[in-house]
Each structure stands twice: as C-alpha cells, then as structure tokens.
Amino acid sequence: MEEIVESAGQAVLYGLVGFAVMAVAFVALDLVTPGHLFKVVWSERNKGAAVVLGSEMAGVGWIVAEAIRASESEAGLDYGLLSTGLYGLAGVVVMTLVFLVVGAITPGPMGARVLEDQDGRPHPAAWVQGAVYLGTALMVGAALS
C-alpha cells in the first residue's frame, strides 16, 4: 500500500510539472498570435485558434510524457522532475521557434492567418500549423528517448 501511495504522489508531482510546462506553452502561443488567446478561443470561439492551441497542448503532452520516460534514473525523483521540466521547456522553445520560422516563410503574418476562420471553418493555415506542432513534438520526444 505504501508503494501505491508513493507512486500516486510521484504521478501528481509529474502532473504538476507537466501542467506548468503547458502553461508556459500557452503563454508562448499567446505571445506569437494576435489578441488574448484565452478570449479568442473561449469567448470568440475561434476554431483556428482552437486547432492550433489543441495541437500545441497535445504536442507538449507528448514531449512531457517522453521526458518522464527518459527521466527514470537512479538519480531520484528530484532529478526526474527537474529533467522533465527542462526537457518540456526545451520542447516549448523549439515549437515556438518553428511557429515563427513557418510564419516567416509563408505569406502574411502566420499568427493572424491561423486565426482567420472562414465560413465557420478554420483557415487551412491553422491545420498546417497544428500539424507542424505535432510533428515537432514527435521529433523532440523521439530525441529524448
């Protein structure tokens, strides 16, 4: 029973680290897109923003999961939590840089383009950016293995 309680506590701690990394990712995306992302997604119900944000969160979740797997070592829980957080933040940095690079090589401002819903549907750029986030997350996650 003691082992179960200890494992549950560790799961909560890793979950908190993952949540913190996701919060940083949210802020990073908010910085590279126009408007206040929370308002754009939840109040304005912008589908393009939801596609990009959802893809980013799924990607960050993948990176954090891979970071947790990679953090298992004899160095202990503290090392595992720290390495998970740092790997997760590195993934956020890479994903944000990729967003900016894709934005630089595509016509028009990418941050604004992904928020342009057309006829109630997300702009195609939102789907592309979402896929770019997921692809980047898979690459970063694989690098952690």
C-alpha atoms as a PDB file:
ATOM      1  CA  MET A   1       0.000   0.000   0.000  1.00  0.00           C
ATOM      2  CA  GLU A   2       2.840   2.373   0.831  1.00  0.00           C
ATOM      3  CA  GLU A   3       4.313   1.875  -2.649  1.00  0.00           C
ATOM      4  CA  ILE A   4       0.967   2.770  -4.252  1.00  0.00           C
ATOM      5  CA  VAL A   5       0.697   5.980  -2.226  1.00  0.00           C
ATOM      6  CA  GLU A   6       4.299   6.902  -3.096  1.00  0.00           C
ATOM      7  CA  SER A   7       3.705   6.246  -6.807  1.00  0.00           C
ATOM      8  CA  ALA A   8       0.487   8.282  -6.724  1.00  0.00           C
ATOM      9  CA  GLY A   9       2.358  11.171  -5.118  1.00  0.00           C
ATOM     10  CA  GLN A  10       5.027  10.997  -7.803  1.00  0.00           C
ATOM     11  CA  ALA A  11       2.339  10.966 -10.502  1.00  0.00           C
ATOM     12  CA  VAL A  12       0.818  14.122  -9.010  1.00  0.00           C
ATOM     13  CA  LEU A  13       4.222  15.838  -8.955  1.00  0.00           C
ATOM     14  CA  TYR A  14       4.955  14.909 -12.573  1.00  0.00           C
ATOM     15  CA  GLY A  15       1.454  16.089 -13.478  1.00  0.00           C
ATOM     16  CA  LEU A  16       2.128  19.458 -11.857  1.00  0.00           C
ATOM     17  CA  VAL A  17       5.386  19.794 -13.786  1.00  0.00           C
ATOM     18  CA  GLY A  18       3.536  18.921 -16.997  1.00  0.00           C
ATOM     19  CA  PHE A  19       0.825  21.447 -16.217  1.00  0.00           C
ATOM     20  CA  ALA A  20       3.444  24.140 -15.618  1.00  0.00           C
ATOM     21  CA  VAL A  21       5.080  23.364 -18.975  1.00  0.00           C
ATOM     22  CA  MET A  22       1.667  23.523 -20.670  1.00  0.00           C
ATOM     23  CA  ALA A  23       1.015  26.908 -19.038  1.00  0.00           C
ATOM     24  CA  VAL A  24       4.324  28.210 -20.420  1.00  0.00           C
ATOM     25  CA  ALA A  25       3.393  26.844 -23.849  1.00  0.00           C
ATOM     26  CA  PHE A  26       0.037  28.634 -23.669  1.00  0.00           C
ATOM     27  CA  VAL A  27       1.766  31.926 -22.851  1.00  0.00           C
ATOM     28  CA  ALA A  28       4.292  31.393 -25.675  1.00  0.00           C
ATOM     29  CA  LEU A  29       1.488  30.827 -28.194  1.00  0.00           C
ATOM     30  CA  ASP A  30      -0.372  33.832 -26.823  1.00  0.00           C
ATOM     31  CA  LEU A  31       2.729  35.954 -27.481  1.00  0.00           C
ATOM     32  CA  VAL A  32       3.034  34.924 -31.148  1.00  0.00           C
ATOM     33  CA  THR A  33      -0.657  35.262 -32.056  1.00  0.00           C
ATOM     34  CA  PRO A  34      -2.736  38.449 -32.065  1.00  0.00           C
ATOM     35  CA  GLY A  35      -5.249  39.112 -29.311  1.00  0.00           C
ATOM     36  CA  HIS A  36      -5.606  37.413 -25.964  1.00  0.00           C
ATOM     37  CA  LEU A  37      -5.616  33.677 -26.697  1.00  0.00           C
ATOM     38  CA  PHE A  38      -7.927  32.776 -23.832  1.00  0.00           C
ATOM     39  CA  LYS A  39     -10.515  35.235 -25.100  1.00  0.00           C
ATOM     40  CA  VAL A  40     -10.033  34.267 -28.759  1.00  0.00           C
ATOM     41  CA  VAL A  41     -10.616  30.563 -28.041  1.00  0.00           C
ATOM     42  CA  TRP A  42     -13.212  30.557 -25.262  1.00  0.00           C
ATOM     43  CA  SER A  43     -15.170  33.796 -25.792  1.00  0.00           C
ATOM     44  CA  GLU A  44     -14.870  34.365 -29.527  1.00  0.00           C
ATOM     45  CA  ARG A  45     -14.915  30.610 -30.184  1.00  0.00           C
ATOM     46  CA  ASN A  46     -12.299  30.907 -32.925  1.00  0.00           C
ATOM     47  CA  LYS A  47     -11.876  27.489 -34.480  1.00  0.00           C
ATOM     48  CA  GLY A  48      -8.445  28.151 -35.994  1.00  0.00           C
ATOM     49  CA  ALA A  49      -7.082  29.227 -32.638  1.00  0.00           C
ATOM     50  CA  ALA A  50      -8.603  26.123 -31.060  1.00  0.00           C
ATOM     51  CA  VAL A  51      -6.961  23.863 -33.676  1.00  0.00           C
ATOM     52  CA  VAL A  52      -3.542  25.426 -33.088  1.00  0.00           C
ATOM     53  CA  LEU A  53      -3.892  25.503 -29.293  1.00  0.00           C
ATOM     54  CA  GLY A  54      -5.199  21.942 -29.140  1.00  0.00           C
ATOM     55  CA  SER A  55      -2.342  20.722 -31.319  1.00  0.00           C
ATOM     56  CA  GLU A  56       0.172  22.575 -29.207  1.00  0.00           C
ATOM     57  CA  MET A  57      -1.205  21.101 -25.973  1.00  0.00           C
ATOM     58  CA  ALA A  58      -1.231  17.575 -27.436  1.00  0.00           C
ATOM     59  CA  GLY A  59       2.347  18.095 -28.615  1.00  0.00           C
ATOM     60  CA  VAL A  60       3.508  19.398 -25.257  1.00  0.00           C
ATOM     61  CA  GLY A  61       1.780  16.471 -23.560  1.00  0.00           C
ATOM     62  CA  TRP A  62       3.691  14.089 -25.825  1.00  0.00           C
ATOM     63  CA  ILE A  63       7.006  15.801 -25.059  1.00  0.00           C
ATOM     64  CA  VAL A  64       6.352  15.748 -21.307  1.00  0.00           C
ATOM     65  CA  ALA A  65       5.372  12.061 -21.451  1.00  0.00           C
ATOM     66  CA  GLU A  66       8.603  11.241 -23.283  1.00  0.00           C
ATOM     67  CA  ALA A  67      10.568  13.402 -20.840  1.00  0.00           C
ATOM     68  CA  ILE A  68       9.074  11.471 -17.919  1.00  0.00           C
ATOM     69  CA  ARG A  69      10.053   8.179 -19.555  1.00  0.00           C
ATOM     70  CA  ALA A  70      13.561   9.486 -20.212  1.00  0.00           C
ATOM     71  CA  SER A  71      13.914  10.820 -16.650  1.00  0.00           C
ATOM     72  CA  GLU A  72      13.776   7.423 -14.957  1.00  0.00           C
ATOM     73  CA  SER A  73      17.161   7.003 -13.355  1.00  0.00           C
ATOM     74  CA  GLU A  74      18.924   6.193 -10.152  1.00  0.00           C
ATOM     75  CA  ALA A  75      19.321   9.936  -9.514  1.00  0.00           C
ATOM     76  CA  GLY A  76      15.913  10.096  -7.834  1.00  0.00           C
ATOM     77  CA  LEU A  77      12.643  11.950  -8.021  1.00  0.00           C
ATOM     78  CA  ASP A  78      14.123  15.459  -7.806  1.00  0.00           C
ATOM     79  CA  TYR A  79      16.311  14.792 -10.845  1.00  0.00           C
ATOM     80  CA  GLY A  80      13.371  13.301 -12.715  1.00  0.00           C
ATOM     81  CA  LEU A  81      11.116  16.285 -12.043  1.00  0.00           C
ATOM     82  CA  LEU A  82      13.836  18.772 -12.981  1.00  0.00           C
ATOM     83  CA  SER A  83      14.801  16.977 -16.182  1.00  0.00           C
ATOM     84  CA  THR A  84      11.151  16.592 -17.165  1.00  0.00           C
ATOM     85  CA  GLY A  85      10.548  20.305 -16.688  1.00  0.00           C
ATOM     86  CA  LEU A  86      13.681  21.310 -18.584  1.00  0.00           C
ATOM     87  CA  TYR A  87      13.031  18.902 -21.463  1.00  0.00           C
ATOM     88  CA  GLY A  88       9.447  20.105 -21.622  1.00  0.00           C
ATOM     89  CA  LEU A  89      10.515  23.747 -21.725  1.00  0.00           C
ATOM     90  CA  ALA A  90      13.074  22.949 -24.418  1.00  0.00           C
ATOM     91  CA  GLY A  91      10.228  21.446 -26.445  1.00  0.00           C
ATOM     92  CA  VAL A  92       8.157  24.609 -25.995  1.00  0.00           C
ATOM     93  CA  VAL A  93      11.087  26.722 -27.187  1.00  0.00           C
ATOM     94  CA  VAL A  94      11.575  24.543 -30.273  1.00  0.00           C
ATOM     95  CA  MET A  95       7.840  24.523 -31.058  1.00  0.00           C
ATOM     96  CA  THR A  96       7.638  28.315 -30.723  1.00  0.00           C
ATOM     97  CA  LEU A  97      10.705  28.828 -32.918  1.00  0.00           C
ATOM     98  CA  VAL A  98       9.228  26.521 -35.552  1.00  0.00           C
ATOM     99  CA  PHE A  99       5.987  28.557 -35.435  1.00  0.00           C
ATOM    100  CA  LEU A 100       7.998  31.717 -36.061  1.00  0.00           C
ATOM    101  CA  VAL A 101      10.050  30.152 -38.872  1.00  0.00           C
ATOM    102  CA  VAL A 102       6.941  28.828 -40.621  1.00  0.00           C
ATOM    103  CA  GLY A 103       5.419  32.281 -40.201  1.00  0.00           C
ATOM    104  CA  ALA A 104       8.475  33.905 -41.759  1.00  0.00           C
ATOM    105  CA  ILE A 105       8.379  31.736 -44.889  1.00  0.00           C
ATOM    106  CA  THR A 106       4.634  31.896 -45.521  1.00  0.00           C
ATOM    107  CA  PRO A 107       2.748  34.854 -47.000  1.00  0.00           C
ATOM    108  CA  GLY A 108       1.190  37.203 -44.459  1.00  0.00           C
ATOM    109  CA  PRO A 109       1.562  37.142 -40.698  1.00  0.00           C
ATOM    110  CA  MET A 110       1.132  33.498 -39.615  1.00  0.00           C
ATOM    111  CA  GLY A 111      -0.143  34.390 -36.158  1.00  0.00           C
ATOM    112  CA  ALA A 112      -3.026  36.353 -37.661  1.00  0.00           C
ATOM    113  CA  ARG A 113      -3.576  33.908 -40.519  1.00  0.00           C
ATOM    114  CA  VAL A 114      -4.271  30.927 -38.256  1.00  0.00           C
ATOM    115  CA  LEU A 115      -6.989  32.940 -36.514  1.00  0.00           C
ATOM    116  CA  GLU A 116      -8.906  33.708 -39.710  1.00  0.00           C
ATOM    117  CA  ASP A 117     -11.964  31.475 -39.602  1.00  0.00           C
ATOM    118  CA  GLN A 118     -13.750  31.310 -42.964  1.00  0.00           C
ATOM    119  CA  ASP A 119     -17.423  30.367 -43.208  1.00  0.00           C
ATOM    120  CA  GLY A 120     -17.270  28.849 -39.733  1.00  0.00           C
ATOM    121  CA  ARG A 121     -14.213  26.749 -40.567  1.00  0.00           C
ATOM    122  CA  PRO A 122     -10.594  27.177 -39.513  1.00  0.00           C
ATOM    123  CA  HIS A 123      -8.211  28.692 -42.048  1.00  0.00           C
ATOM    124  CA  PRO A 124      -6.109  25.934 -43.702  1.00  0.00           C
ATOM    125  CA  ALA A 125      -3.028  27.533 -42.126  1.00  0.00           C
ATOM    126  CA  ALA A 126      -4.392  26.558 -38.700  1.00  0.00           C
ATOM    127  CA  TRP A 127      -4.384  22.901 -39.714  1.00  0.00           C
ATOM    128  CA  VAL A 128      -0.890  23.205 -41.152  1.00  0.00           C
ATOM    129  CA  GLN A 129       0.411  24.883 -38.018  1.00  0.00           C
ATOM    130  CA  GLY A 130      -1.312  22.285 -35.857  1.00  0.00           C
ATOM    131  CA  ALA A 131       0.378  19.507 -37.822  1.00  0.00           C
ATOM    132  CA  VAL A 132       3.711  21.320 -37.572  1.00  0.00           C
ATOM    133  CA  TYR A 133       3.318  21.460 -33.783  1.00  0.00           C
ATOM    134  CA  LEU A 134       2.539  17.749 -33.592  1.00  0.00           C
ATOM    135  CA  GLY A 135       5.389  16.832 -35.932  1.00  0.00           C
ATOM    136  CA  THR A 136       7.830  18.961 -33.975  1.00  0.00           C
ATOM    137  CA  ALA A 137       6.663  17.384 -30.717  1.00  0.00           C
ATOM    138  CA  LEU A 138       7.203  13.892 -32.137  1.00  0.00           C
ATOM    139  CA  MET A 139      10.753  14.809 -33.153  1.00  0.00           C
ATOM    140  CA  VAL A 140      11.581  16.394 -29.800  1.00  0.00           C
ATOM    141  CA  GLY A 141      10.005  13.461 -27.961  1.00  0.00           C
ATOM    142  CA  ALA A 142      12.000  10.962 -30.023  1.00  0.00           C
ATOM    143  CA  ALA A 143      15.198  12.847 -29.226  1.00  0.00           C
ATOM    144  CA  LEU A 144      14.551  12.291 -25.520  1.00  0.00           C
ATOM    145  CA  SER A 145      14.405   8.511 -25.827  1.00  0.00           C
END
